[in-house]
Structures are given as C-alpha cells and as structure tokens.
Amino acid sequence: MKRFAAVAVAGLVLFLSGCSGPEIPDVTYFRLPAAAQVPRADKPLTLLPIEVDTFRAEGVYAEQSVLYTVGADHGSLRTYHYQLWSDPPSHALQARLIDMLRASGVSPLVTDRLPASTHALRIRGTIQRYERVSDGKRFKAVVTLEMRVEQDEGEPLIEQQYMAEETAADGTLTATVAAFGAAVDRTFAAFYKDLTALAGETHAG
C-alpha cells in the first residue's frame, strides 16, 4: 500500500510539472551607451544660460517600452513585453543632451530648469520616431527628433527636424541599443552644429 502511494505521489508530481506554464523571462532594462563627444569650445559661445526641457513624446513614444516594426509594415508599432528602457526616452534624451552641452563648454550654464524670467536659450525637443526596424535580415535604430530653440519664450531661432538611422552589428537587442546611441549622437551632433552657429550670433547676450 505504501509503495502504491509513493508511486501515485511521484506520478502526480510529474503530471503537475508537465502542466506548469512556461517560465516567465526576467525583465531587462536597457540604457544608451556613453555619449560621443562633440568638439569643445575654447570659450563659451554664448553668455546666455541654456535650458533643456524634457523631450515631448506622443502616445507609446512617451513610455518605457522598446518599440519595433517588422518587415514592410513600418506603419505598425509593436512593443517588447520584457525589454524596456531604464528611463522613458523623453527623459533619457534630455539628460544626454544636457551632459553633451555641458561637456562642450558652449555656455557657462546648461540646466533642466530656469525661472521663466531668466534671459536664456531654451531648447525644446520632440520625439517623432524612436524605434527598432527590421527588414527580416538586419536591424537598425531609427531616430527622428524635432528640435526647437527659443530665446526668452520668443519666436523660434531654430526649428528643425534631425533624423539618423544606424544599422545594428547583429540581431541582438543589445546591439540595437548601441545603434540607438550612435543614431542619437548623430542627430545631436547635427543639432549642435546649428546651435553653435546660433550661439555665436547671441554671444553678446
């Protein structure tokens, strides 16, 4: 009787283990690699402080999800369930641009917040595309940003779209994240070139 009970219990354990659902994968959070450096100014190109606002983003672009498209259906966005950005891109891009501008020496002060009464150059960015794209063979990061620069909440001094695409080294998501970093750095480098030209004009403050 005891032997029969032991066999029955063993059989039940095997049955239950066979009926258990698939193991839920760990959630992985990704952040962009270290930013590429832009040319450092010998001296500040403007005496005005620079304020970089949180990037605007509509819909799913405002979330932490890593977005992707597959095949020819690039108008349909999908999200990974267990792969997320460590910060929403709207905040990550703000922090990255602030760090880049501080390192460049373009202005004595680059910050994320200034009083509205302060005379300053104010940068507003909008995320228009920020996704992983696959043609079935290769993956690439596609980044499109609209950058706007105002002086004292006035008319825009710069209002320009910047776009970059970077092919990932392989099919892993880690490689695509590296491609995102390179694509963002290319858009920021193009924007920085326009900003320094503008800053030179406003040096007198």
N, C-alpha and C. Protein backbone atom coordinates (compact mmCIF):
# COMPACT_ATOMS: atom_id res chain seq x y z
N MET A 1 0.83 -1.20 0.00
CA MET A 1 0.00 0.00 0.00
C MET A 1 0.87 1.26 0.00
N LYS A 2 1.93 1.24 0.87
CA LYS A 2 2.82 2.39 0.93
C LYS A 2 3.54 2.60 -0.40
N ARG A 3 3.92 1.45 -1.01
CA ARG A 3 4.62 1.55 -2.29
C ARG A 3 3.70 2.14 -3.36
N PHE A 4 2.46 1.74 -3.32
CA PHE A 4 1.48 2.27 -4.29
C PHE A 4 1.29 3.77 -4.09
N ALA A 5 1.22 4.20 -2.82
CA ALA A 5 1.04 5.62 -2.53
C ALA A 5 2.23 6.44 -3.00
N ALA A 6 3.45 5.90 -2.80
CA ALA A 6 4.65 6.62 -3.23
C ALA A 6 4.67 6.78 -4.74
N VAL A 7 4.29 5.70 -5.45
CA VAL A 7 4.25 5.76 -6.91
C VAL A 7 3.21 6.77 -7.37
N ALA A 8 2.05 6.80 -6.68
CA ALA A 8 0.99 7.72 -7.04
C ALA A 8 1.43 9.17 -6.85
N VAL A 9 2.13 9.45 -5.73
CA VAL A 9 2.61 10.80 -5.48
C VAL A 9 3.63 11.22 -6.52
N ALA A 10 4.55 10.32 -6.85
CA ALA A 10 5.56 10.62 -7.86
C ALA A 10 4.90 10.91 -9.20
N GLY A 11 3.90 10.14 -9.53
CA GLY A 11 3.19 10.37 -10.79
C GLY A 11 2.48 11.70 -10.80
N LEU A 12 1.90 12.08 -9.66
CA LEU A 12 1.20 13.36 -9.58
C LEU A 12 2.17 14.52 -9.75
N VAL A 13 3.37 14.40 -9.13
CA VAL A 13 4.37 15.45 -9.27
C VAL A 13 4.79 15.62 -10.72
N LEU A 14 5.02 14.50 -11.40
CA LEU A 14 5.39 14.57 -12.81
C LEU A 14 4.28 15.19 -13.65
N PHE A 15 3.04 14.86 -13.32
CA PHE A 15 1.91 15.39 -14.07
C PHE A 15 1.80 16.91 -13.90
N LEU A 16 1.94 17.35 -12.64
CA LEU A 16 1.82 18.78 -12.37
C LEU A 16 2.96 19.57 -13.00
N SER A 17 4.17 18.98 -12.96
CA SER A 17 5.30 19.67 -13.56
C SER A 17 5.14 19.77 -15.07
N GLY A 18 4.52 18.77 -15.66
CA GLY A 18 4.28 18.81 -17.09
C GLY A 18 3.21 19.80 -17.47
N CYS A 19 2.29 20.10 -16.54
CA CYS A 19 1.20 21.02 -16.82
C CYS A 19 1.55 22.47 -16.49
N SER A 20 2.68 22.72 -15.84
CA SER A 20 3.03 24.08 -15.46
C SER A 20 3.32 24.92 -16.70
N GLY A 21 3.02 26.21 -16.63
CA GLY A 21 3.20 27.09 -17.77
C GLY A 21 4.66 27.39 -18.03
N PRO A 22 4.93 28.05 -19.17
CA PRO A 22 6.31 28.39 -19.50
C PRO A 22 6.89 29.39 -18.49
N GLU A 23 8.17 29.30 -18.30
CA GLU A 23 8.82 30.19 -17.35
C GLU A 23 8.79 31.62 -17.85
N ILE A 24 8.41 32.55 -17.00
CA ILE A 24 8.35 33.96 -17.38
C ILE A 24 9.76 34.54 -17.39
N PRO A 25 10.16 35.14 -18.50
CA PRO A 25 11.53 35.67 -18.55
C PRO A 25 11.70 36.88 -17.64
N ASP A 26 12.94 37.14 -17.27
CA ASP A 26 13.25 38.31 -16.47
C ASP A 26 13.04 39.58 -17.31
N VAL A 27 12.64 40.63 -16.66
CA VAL A 27 12.53 41.92 -17.33
C VAL A 27 13.93 42.53 -17.44
N THR A 28 14.30 42.96 -18.64
CA THR A 28 15.61 43.56 -18.88
C THR A 28 15.42 45.04 -19.19
N TYR A 29 16.20 45.88 -18.52
CA TYR A 29 16.15 47.32 -18.75
C TYR A 29 17.40 47.76 -19.49
N PHE A 30 17.22 48.53 -20.54
CA PHE A 30 18.34 48.98 -21.36
C PHE A 30 18.53 50.49 -21.21
N ARG A 31 19.79 50.89 -21.27
CA ARG A 31 20.12 52.30 -21.31
C ARG A 31 21.14 52.53 -22.41
N LEU A 32 21.16 53.72 -22.94
CA LEU A 32 22.06 54.03 -24.03
C LEU A 32 23.52 53.98 -23.57
N PRO A 33 24.42 53.62 -24.47
CA PRO A 33 25.85 53.64 -24.10
C PRO A 33 26.33 55.07 -23.90
N ALA A 34 27.55 55.21 -23.43
CA ALA A 34 28.12 56.53 -23.21
C ALA A 34 28.07 57.36 -24.49
N ALA A 35 27.79 58.63 -24.34
CA ALA A 35 27.62 59.50 -25.50
C ALA A 35 28.95 59.84 -26.15
N ALA A 36 28.90 60.04 -27.46
CA ALA A 36 30.08 60.52 -28.19
C ALA A 36 30.29 61.99 -27.86
N GLN A 37 31.53 62.42 -27.85
CA GLN A 37 31.86 63.80 -27.52
C GLN A 37 31.77 64.68 -28.77
N VAL A 38 31.34 65.91 -28.56
CA VAL A 38 31.34 66.89 -29.64
C VAL A 38 32.52 67.83 -29.41
N PRO A 39 32.94 68.57 -30.43
CA PRO A 39 34.08 69.47 -30.25
C PRO A 39 33.84 70.47 -29.12
N ARG A 40 34.83 70.62 -28.26
CA ARG A 40 34.69 71.54 -27.13
C ARG A 40 35.11 72.93 -27.54
N ALA A 41 34.28 73.90 -27.16
CA ALA A 41 34.58 75.30 -27.46
C ALA A 41 35.74 75.79 -26.59
N ASP A 42 36.61 76.61 -27.17
CA ASP A 42 37.72 77.18 -26.41
C ASP A 42 37.22 78.10 -25.30
N LYS A 43 36.10 78.73 -25.55
CA LYS A 43 35.44 79.59 -24.56
C LYS A 43 33.94 79.52 -24.83
N PRO A 44 33.11 79.86 -23.86
CA PRO A 44 31.66 79.81 -24.09
C PRO A 44 31.26 80.63 -25.33
N LEU A 45 30.42 80.07 -26.16
CA LEU A 45 29.98 80.76 -27.37
C LEU A 45 28.80 81.67 -27.11
N THR A 46 28.19 81.55 -25.94
CA THR A 46 27.12 82.46 -25.54
C THR A 46 27.21 82.70 -24.04
N LEU A 47 26.86 83.90 -23.63
CA LEU A 47 26.81 84.21 -22.22
C LEU A 47 25.45 83.85 -21.62
N LEU A 48 24.51 83.50 -22.48
CA LEU A 48 23.18 83.13 -22.01
C LEU A 48 23.19 81.71 -21.46
N PRO A 49 22.50 81.47 -20.36
CA PRO A 49 22.33 80.08 -19.90
C PRO A 49 21.43 79.32 -20.89
N ILE A 50 21.55 78.01 -20.88
CA ILE A 50 20.76 77.17 -21.77
C ILE A 50 19.89 76.24 -20.92
N GLU A 51 18.62 76.24 -21.21
CA GLU A 51 17.67 75.34 -20.54
C GLU A 51 17.25 74.26 -21.53
N VAL A 52 17.36 73.00 -21.13
CA VAL A 52 16.92 71.87 -21.96
C VAL A 52 15.70 71.26 -21.30
N ASP A 53 14.57 71.36 -21.95
CA ASP A 53 13.33 70.84 -21.40
C ASP A 53 13.24 69.33 -21.64
N THR A 54 12.36 68.68 -20.87
CA THR A 54 12.06 67.27 -21.14
C THR A 54 11.52 67.14 -22.55
N PHE A 55 11.99 66.16 -23.29
CA PHE A 55 11.53 65.98 -24.66
C PHE A 55 10.04 65.62 -24.67
N ARG A 56 9.32 66.18 -25.59
CA ARG A 56 7.92 65.82 -25.76
C ARG A 56 7.83 64.52 -26.54
N ALA A 57 6.80 63.75 -26.25
CA ALA A 57 6.58 62.49 -26.96
C ALA A 57 5.09 62.14 -26.89
N GLU A 58 4.54 61.70 -28.00
CA GLU A 58 3.12 61.36 -28.05
C GLU A 58 2.94 59.85 -27.95
N GLY A 59 1.86 59.45 -27.29
CA GLY A 59 1.46 58.04 -27.27
C GLY A 59 2.52 57.12 -26.73
N VAL A 60 2.77 56.02 -27.45
CA VAL A 60 3.71 55.00 -26.99
C VAL A 60 5.15 55.51 -26.93
N TYR A 61 5.46 56.59 -27.64
CA TYR A 61 6.81 57.14 -27.59
C TYR A 61 7.13 57.72 -26.21
N ALA A 62 6.10 57.98 -25.41
CA ALA A 62 6.30 58.54 -24.08
C ALA A 62 6.52 57.45 -23.03
N GLU A 63 6.43 56.18 -23.41
CA GLU A 63 6.54 55.08 -22.46
C GLU A 63 7.96 54.51 -22.44
N GLN A 64 8.17 53.55 -21.54
CA GLN A 64 9.49 52.91 -21.42
C GLN A 64 9.67 51.75 -22.39
N SER A 65 8.63 51.36 -23.09
CA SER A 65 8.70 50.20 -23.98
C SER A 65 9.70 50.44 -25.11
N VAL A 66 10.42 49.39 -25.48
CA VAL A 66 11.25 49.43 -26.67
C VAL A 66 10.33 49.11 -27.85
N LEU A 67 10.22 50.03 -28.80
CA LEU A 67 9.31 49.89 -29.92
C LEU A 67 10.01 49.26 -31.12
N TYR A 68 9.25 48.50 -31.91
CA TYR A 68 9.85 47.90 -33.10
C TYR A 68 8.81 47.71 -34.20
N THR A 69 9.30 47.60 -35.41
CA THR A 69 8.48 47.25 -36.57
C THR A 69 9.18 46.12 -37.30
N VAL A 70 8.40 45.34 -38.03
CA VAL A 70 8.93 44.16 -38.73
C VAL A 70 8.47 44.18 -40.17
N GLY A 71 9.38 43.83 -41.07
CA GLY A 71 9.04 43.71 -42.48
C GLY A 71 8.67 45.04 -43.09
N ALA A 72 7.73 45.00 -44.05
CA ALA A 72 7.35 46.20 -44.77
C ALA A 72 6.32 47.03 -44.02
N ASP A 73 5.77 46.49 -42.94
CA ASP A 73 4.70 47.16 -42.20
C ASP A 73 5.28 48.14 -41.19
N HIS A 74 5.93 49.18 -41.69
CA HIS A 74 6.58 50.14 -40.81
C HIS A 74 5.60 51.13 -40.20
N GLY A 75 4.34 51.06 -40.61
CA GLY A 75 3.35 51.94 -40.01
C GLY A 75 2.73 51.35 -38.76
N SER A 76 3.08 50.11 -38.43
CA SER A 76 2.52 49.43 -37.26
C SER A 76 3.61 49.23 -36.22
N LEU A 77 3.45 49.85 -35.07
CA LEU A 77 4.43 49.75 -33.99
C LEU A 77 4.04 48.64 -33.02
N ARG A 78 5.05 47.91 -32.55
CA ARG A 78 4.85 46.88 -31.54
C ARG A 78 5.80 47.15 -30.37
N THR A 79 5.51 46.51 -29.25
CA THR A 79 6.36 46.70 -28.07
C THR A 79 6.83 45.35 -27.55
N TYR A 80 8.06 45.32 -27.05
CA TYR A 80 8.55 44.14 -26.34
C TYR A 80 7.96 44.15 -24.93
N HIS A 81 7.61 42.95 -24.43
CA HIS A 81 6.96 42.86 -23.13
C HIS A 81 7.95 42.85 -21.97
N TYR A 82 9.14 42.31 -22.19
CA TYR A 82 10.09 42.14 -21.09
C TYR A 82 11.40 42.87 -21.33
N GLN A 83 11.44 43.70 -22.37
CA GLN A 83 12.61 44.53 -22.65
C GLN A 83 12.16 45.98 -22.66
N LEU A 84 12.69 46.76 -21.72
CA LEU A 84 12.26 48.14 -21.54
C LEU A 84 13.47 49.07 -21.47
N TRP A 85 13.23 50.35 -21.72
CA TRP A 85 14.25 51.35 -21.46
C TRP A 85 14.30 51.61 -19.96
N SER A 86 15.47 51.87 -19.43
CA SER A 86 15.59 52.14 -17.99
C SER A 86 14.90 53.45 -17.62
N ASP A 87 14.85 54.40 -18.55
CA ASP A 87 14.10 55.65 -18.39
C ASP A 87 13.32 55.89 -19.68
N PRO A 88 12.18 56.55 -19.60
CA PRO A 88 11.49 56.91 -20.83
C PRO A 88 12.43 57.72 -21.73
N PRO A 89 12.44 57.49 -23.03
CA PRO A 89 13.33 58.25 -23.91
C PRO A 89 13.22 59.76 -23.76
N SER A 90 12.04 60.27 -23.41
CA SER A 90 11.88 61.72 -23.24
C SER A 90 12.81 62.26 -22.16
N HIS A 91 13.03 61.49 -21.10
CA HIS A 91 13.94 61.91 -20.03
C HIS A 91 15.39 61.55 -20.35
N ALA A 92 15.59 60.38 -20.95
CA ALA A 92 16.96 59.95 -21.27
C ALA A 92 17.61 60.88 -22.28
N LEU A 93 16.85 61.33 -23.28
CA LEU A 93 17.42 62.22 -24.28
C LEU A 93 17.69 63.60 -23.69
N GLN A 94 16.83 64.06 -22.80
CA GLN A 94 17.08 65.34 -22.13
C GLN A 94 18.39 65.29 -21.35
N ALA A 95 18.58 64.24 -20.55
CA ALA A 95 19.79 64.11 -19.75
C ALA A 95 21.03 63.99 -20.64
N ARG A 96 20.91 63.24 -21.73
CA ARG A 96 22.06 63.05 -22.63
C ARG A 96 22.46 64.36 -23.30
N LEU A 97 21.47 65.15 -23.72
CA LEU A 97 21.77 66.42 -24.38
C LEU A 97 22.37 67.41 -23.38
N ILE A 98 21.86 67.44 -22.15
CA ILE A 98 22.43 68.32 -21.13
C ILE A 98 23.90 67.96 -20.88
N ASP A 99 24.18 66.68 -20.72
CA ASP A 99 25.56 66.25 -20.49
C ASP A 99 26.46 66.64 -21.66
N MET A 100 25.95 66.47 -22.88
CA MET A 100 26.75 66.78 -24.06
C MET A 100 27.05 68.27 -24.14
N LEU A 101 26.04 69.10 -23.87
CA LEU A 101 26.24 70.55 -23.96
C LEU A 101 27.14 71.05 -22.84
N ARG A 102 27.01 70.47 -21.66
CA ARG A 102 27.91 70.87 -20.56
C ARG A 102 29.35 70.54 -20.90
N ALA A 103 29.57 69.35 -21.45
CA ALA A 103 30.93 68.94 -21.80
C ALA A 103 31.50 69.78 -22.93
N SER A 104 30.63 70.33 -23.77
CA SER A 104 31.10 71.11 -24.93
C SER A 104 31.58 72.50 -24.53
N GLY A 105 31.12 73.01 -23.39
CA GLY A 105 31.51 74.35 -22.97
C GLY A 105 30.84 75.46 -23.75
N VAL A 106 29.73 75.15 -24.42
CA VAL A 106 29.07 76.15 -25.26
C VAL A 106 28.49 77.30 -24.44
N SER A 107 28.12 77.02 -23.17
CA SER A 107 27.54 78.04 -22.30
C SER A 107 28.03 77.82 -20.88
N PRO A 108 28.14 78.90 -20.08
CA PRO A 108 28.55 78.72 -18.68
C PRO A 108 27.58 77.89 -17.87
N LEU A 109 26.30 77.85 -18.28
CA LEU A 109 25.29 77.11 -17.52
C LEU A 109 24.35 76.39 -18.48
N VAL A 110 24.26 75.08 -18.32
CA VAL A 110 23.28 74.27 -19.04
C VAL A 110 22.52 73.48 -17.99
N THR A 111 21.20 73.61 -17.97
CA THR A 111 20.41 73.01 -16.91
C THR A 111 19.06 72.56 -17.44
N ASP A 112 18.31 71.87 -16.58
CA ASP A 112 16.99 71.38 -16.99
C ASP A 112 15.86 72.31 -16.56
N ARG A 113 16.17 73.35 -15.79
CA ARG A 113 15.11 74.24 -15.33
C ARG A 113 15.65 75.60 -14.96
N LEU A 114 14.98 76.64 -15.49
CA LEU A 114 15.33 78.01 -15.16
C LEU A 114 14.05 78.80 -14.91
N PRO A 115 14.09 79.84 -14.09
CA PRO A 115 12.91 80.70 -13.95
C PRO A 115 12.51 81.30 -15.29
N ALA A 116 11.22 81.46 -15.48
CA ALA A 116 10.73 81.99 -16.76
C ALA A 116 11.26 83.39 -17.02
N SER A 117 11.60 84.12 -15.97
CA SER A 117 12.08 85.49 -16.12
C SER A 117 13.55 85.57 -16.54
N THR A 118 14.27 84.45 -16.50
CA THR A 118 15.69 84.44 -16.82
C THR A 118 15.91 84.52 -18.32
N HIS A 119 16.77 85.44 -18.74
CA HIS A 119 17.13 85.51 -20.16
C HIS A 119 17.96 84.28 -20.50
N ALA A 120 17.49 83.49 -21.45
CA ALA A 120 18.15 82.21 -21.73
C ALA A 120 17.79 81.71 -23.12
N LEU A 121 18.59 80.77 -23.59
CA LEU A 121 18.23 79.97 -24.76
C LEU A 121 17.52 78.72 -24.24
N ARG A 122 16.34 78.44 -24.76
CA ARG A 122 15.53 77.32 -24.27
C ARG A 122 15.35 76.31 -25.40
N ILE A 123 15.75 75.08 -25.11
CA ILE A 123 15.71 74.01 -26.11
C ILE A 123 14.52 73.10 -25.82
N ARG A 124 13.68 72.90 -26.84
CA ARG A 124 12.53 72.01 -26.75
C ARG A 124 12.68 70.93 -27.83
N GLY A 125 12.70 69.69 -27.40
CA GLY A 125 12.82 68.58 -28.35
C GLY A 125 11.54 67.76 -28.38
N THR A 126 11.22 67.21 -29.54
CA THR A 126 10.06 66.34 -29.70
C THR A 126 10.51 65.05 -30.38
N ILE A 127 10.14 63.91 -29.80
CA ILE A 127 10.47 62.61 -30.39
C ILE A 127 9.41 62.26 -31.43
N GLN A 128 9.83 62.12 -32.67
CA GLN A 128 8.90 61.78 -33.75
C GLN A 128 9.03 60.31 -34.16
N ARG A 129 10.23 59.79 -34.10
CA ARG A 129 10.44 58.34 -34.31
C ARG A 129 11.56 57.89 -33.40
N TYR A 130 11.40 56.69 -32.82
CA TYR A 130 12.41 56.14 -31.93
C TYR A 130 12.14 54.65 -31.83
N GLU A 131 12.53 53.91 -32.88
CA GLU A 131 12.15 52.50 -32.92
C GLU A 131 13.19 51.63 -33.60
N ARG A 132 13.07 50.35 -33.32
CA ARG A 132 13.90 49.32 -33.93
C ARG A 132 13.18 48.82 -35.18
N VAL A 133 13.86 48.82 -36.30
CA VAL A 133 13.25 48.44 -37.57
C VAL A 133 14.00 47.25 -38.15
N SER A 134 13.24 46.27 -38.63
CA SER A 134 13.84 45.08 -39.24
C SER A 134 13.25 44.86 -40.63
N ASP A 135 14.13 44.50 -41.56
CA ASP A 135 13.68 44.12 -42.89
C ASP A 135 13.64 42.60 -43.04
N GLY A 136 13.73 41.90 -41.92
CA GLY A 136 13.74 40.44 -41.93
C GLY A 136 15.15 39.86 -41.91
N LYS A 137 16.14 40.69 -42.18
CA LYS A 137 17.53 40.23 -42.20
C LYS A 137 18.41 41.02 -41.22
N ARG A 138 18.23 42.32 -41.24
CA ARG A 138 19.04 43.18 -40.38
C ARG A 138 18.14 44.06 -39.53
N PHE A 139 18.74 44.58 -38.47
CA PHE A 139 18.03 45.51 -37.59
C PHE A 139 18.75 46.86 -37.61
N LYS A 140 17.97 47.90 -37.47
CA LYS A 140 18.55 49.23 -37.37
C LYS A 140 17.73 50.08 -36.41
N ALA A 141 18.37 51.08 -35.85
CA ALA A 141 17.70 52.04 -34.98
C ALA A 141 17.37 53.27 -35.81
N VAL A 142 16.13 53.70 -35.72
CA VAL A 142 15.66 54.88 -36.46
C VAL A 142 15.26 55.96 -35.46
N VAL A 143 15.87 57.11 -35.58
CA VAL A 143 15.62 58.22 -34.64
C VAL A 143 15.31 59.48 -35.44
N THR A 144 14.17 60.10 -35.14
CA THR A 144 13.82 61.39 -35.73
C THR A 144 13.39 62.32 -34.60
N LEU A 145 14.06 63.46 -34.51
CA LEU A 145 13.78 64.43 -33.46
C LEU A 145 13.52 65.79 -34.09
N GLU A 146 12.56 66.50 -33.55
CA GLU A 146 12.37 67.90 -33.93
C GLU A 146 12.93 68.76 -32.80
N MET A 147 13.84 69.65 -33.14
CA MET A 147 14.49 70.49 -32.14
C MET A 147 14.11 71.94 -32.37
N ARG A 148 13.75 72.59 -31.28
CA ARG A 148 13.33 74.00 -31.33
C ARG A 148 14.12 74.77 -30.28
N VAL A 149 14.66 75.91 -30.68
CA VAL A 149 15.40 76.77 -29.76
C VAL A 149 14.72 78.13 -29.75
N GLU A 150 14.41 78.62 -28.55
CA GLU A 150 13.79 79.92 -28.38
C GLU A 150 14.67 80.76 -27.45
N GLN A 151 14.58 82.06 -27.60
CA GLN A 151 15.21 82.97 -26.64
C GLN A 151 14.12 83.69 -25.87
N ASP A 152 14.07 83.43 -24.55
CA ASP A 152 13.08 84.08 -23.69
C ASP A 152 11.66 83.84 -24.16
N GLU A 153 11.35 82.60 -24.53
CA GLU A 153 9.99 82.21 -24.93
C GLU A 153 9.50 83.00 -26.13
N GLY A 154 10.41 83.45 -26.97
CA GLY A 154 10.01 84.22 -28.15
C GLY A 154 9.86 83.34 -29.38
N GLU A 155 9.99 83.95 -30.54
CA GLU A 155 9.91 83.21 -31.79
C GLU A 155 11.07 82.22 -31.89
N PRO A 156 10.86 81.07 -32.53
CA PRO A 156 11.93 80.07 -32.61
C PRO A 156 13.12 80.59 -33.41
N LEU A 157 14.30 80.38 -32.85
CA LEU A 157 15.53 80.70 -33.56
C LEU A 157 16.01 79.51 -34.39
N ILE A 158 15.68 78.32 -33.91
CA ILE A 158 15.89 77.08 -34.66
C ILE A 158 14.62 76.25 -34.54
N GLU A 159 14.15 75.73 -35.61
CA GLU A 159 13.03 74.78 -35.61
C GLU A 159 13.28 73.81 -36.76
N GLN A 160 13.91 72.70 -36.42
CA GLN A 160 14.46 71.83 -37.46
C GLN A 160 14.28 70.37 -37.07
N GLN A 161 14.06 69.53 -38.08
CA GLN A 161 13.97 68.08 -37.87
C GLN A 161 15.33 67.45 -38.15
N TYR A 162 15.72 66.54 -37.27
CA TYR A 162 17.00 65.84 -37.40
C TYR A 162 16.71 64.34 -37.38
N MET A 163 17.27 63.61 -38.33
CA MET A 163 16.99 62.18 -38.45
C MET A 163 18.28 61.41 -38.67
N ALA A 164 18.36 60.22 -38.09
CA ALA A 164 19.52 59.34 -38.30
C ALA A 164 19.06 57.89 -38.21
N GLU A 165 19.69 57.04 -39.00
CA GLU A 165 19.48 55.59 -38.95
C GLU A 165 20.82 54.92 -38.77
N GLU A 166 20.87 53.92 -37.91
CA GLU A 166 22.13 53.21 -37.64
C GLU A 166 21.86 51.72 -37.63
N THR A 167 22.58 50.98 -38.46
CA THR A 167 22.41 49.53 -38.53
C THR A 167 23.11 48.85 -37.35
N ALA A 168 22.42 47.91 -36.72
CA ALA A 168 22.98 47.19 -35.58
C ALA A 168 24.03 46.18 -36.04
N ALA A 169 25.00 45.92 -35.19
CA ALA A 169 26.09 45.00 -35.53
C ALA A 169 25.59 43.57 -35.71
N ASP A 170 24.53 43.19 -34.98
CA ASP A 170 23.97 41.85 -35.12
C ASP A 170 22.49 41.91 -34.72
N GLY A 171 21.88 40.74 -34.57
CA GLY A 171 20.45 40.69 -34.31
C GLY A 171 20.04 40.82 -32.86
N THR A 172 20.98 40.99 -31.96
CA THR A 172 20.63 41.10 -30.54
C THR A 172 20.07 42.49 -30.23
N LEU A 173 19.26 42.54 -29.20
CA LEU A 173 18.72 43.83 -28.79
C LEU A 173 19.83 44.72 -28.22
N THR A 174 20.82 44.11 -27.60
CA THR A 174 21.96 44.88 -27.08
C THR A 174 22.66 45.63 -28.20
N ALA A 175 22.82 44.98 -29.34
CA ALA A 175 23.46 45.64 -30.48
C ALA A 175 22.59 46.78 -31.01
N THR A 176 21.27 46.59 -30.99
CA THR A 176 20.38 47.65 -31.44
C THR A 176 20.42 48.84 -30.49
N VAL A 177 20.53 48.59 -29.19
CA VAL A 177 20.65 49.68 -28.22
C VAL A 177 21.91 50.51 -28.51
N ALA A 178 23.00 49.84 -28.83
CA ALA A 178 24.22 50.55 -29.22
C ALA A 178 23.98 51.38 -30.48
N ALA A 179 23.20 50.83 -31.41
CA ALA A 179 22.86 51.57 -32.63
C ALA A 179 22.00 52.79 -32.30
N PHE A 180 21.08 52.66 -31.34
CA PHE A 180 20.30 53.81 -30.89
C PHE A 180 21.22 54.92 -30.39
N GLY A 181 22.21 54.55 -29.58
CA GLY A 181 23.14 55.55 -29.06
C GLY A 181 23.85 56.29 -30.18
N ALA A 182 24.30 55.54 -31.18
CA ALA A 182 25.01 56.17 -32.31
C ALA A 182 24.07 57.07 -33.11
N ALA A 183 22.82 56.63 -33.30
CA ALA A 183 21.87 57.43 -34.07
C ALA A 183 21.52 58.71 -33.33
N VAL A 184 21.29 58.61 -32.02
CA VAL A 184 21.00 59.80 -31.23
C VAL A 184 22.18 60.77 -31.27
N ASP A 185 23.39 60.26 -31.14
CA ASP A 185 24.57 61.12 -31.17
C ASP A 185 24.72 61.83 -32.51
N ARG A 186 24.33 61.18 -33.59
CA ARG A 186 24.40 61.83 -34.91
C ARG A 186 23.39 62.96 -35.01
N THR A 187 22.18 62.75 -34.49
CA THR A 187 21.19 63.84 -34.53
C THR A 187 21.63 65.00 -33.64
N PHE A 188 22.17 64.67 -32.46
CA PHE A 188 22.62 65.73 -31.55
C PHE A 188 23.81 66.48 -32.15
N ALA A 189 24.70 65.79 -32.85
CA ALA A 189 25.86 66.46 -33.45
C ALA A 189 25.41 67.46 -34.51
N ALA A 190 24.41 67.06 -35.31
CA ALA A 190 23.88 67.97 -36.33
C ALA A 190 23.20 69.17 -35.67
N PHE A 191 22.45 68.91 -34.61
CA PHE A 191 21.80 70.00 -33.88
C PHE A 191 22.84 70.91 -33.23
N TYR A 192 23.88 70.33 -32.67
CA TYR A 192 24.93 71.11 -32.00
C TYR A 192 25.61 72.06 -32.99
N LYS A 193 25.80 71.60 -34.19
CA LYS A 193 26.41 72.46 -35.22
C LYS A 193 25.54 73.69 -35.47
N ASP A 194 24.23 73.49 -35.56
CA ASP A 194 23.32 74.63 -35.76
C ASP A 194 23.27 75.51 -34.51
N LEU A 195 23.30 74.87 -33.33
CA LEU A 195 23.23 75.63 -32.09
C LEU A 195 24.45 76.51 -31.90
N THR A 196 25.64 76.00 -32.20
CA THR A 196 26.85 76.80 -32.03
C THR A 196 26.88 77.98 -32.99
N ALA A 197 26.35 77.79 -34.20
CA ALA A 197 26.26 78.91 -35.13
C ALA A 197 25.32 79.98 -34.57
N LEU A 198 24.22 79.54 -33.98
CA LEU A 198 23.28 80.47 -33.35
C LEU A 198 23.89 81.13 -32.13
N ALA A 199 24.57 80.35 -31.31
CA ALA A 199 25.16 80.88 -30.08
C ALA A 199 26.20 81.95 -30.37
N GLY A 200 26.93 81.76 -31.45
CA GLY A 200 27.92 82.76 -31.83
C GLY A 200 27.26 84.11 -32.12
N GLU A 201 26.03 84.06 -32.68
CA GLU A 201 25.31 85.28 -33.00
C GLU A 201 24.78 85.95 -31.75
N THR A 202 24.54 85.16 -30.68
CA THR A 202 23.94 85.72 -29.46
C THR A 202 24.98 85.91 -28.35
N HIS A 203 26.26 85.86 -28.70
CA HIS A 203 27.32 85.91 -27.68
C HIS A 203 27.23 87.16 -26.81
N ALA A 204 26.80 88.22 -27.39
CA ALA A 204 26.73 89.46 -26.62
C ALA A 204 25.67 89.38 -25.52
N GLY A 205 24.75 88.35 -25.64
CA GLY A 205 23.76 88.15 -24.61
C GLY A 205 22.72 89.26 -24.64
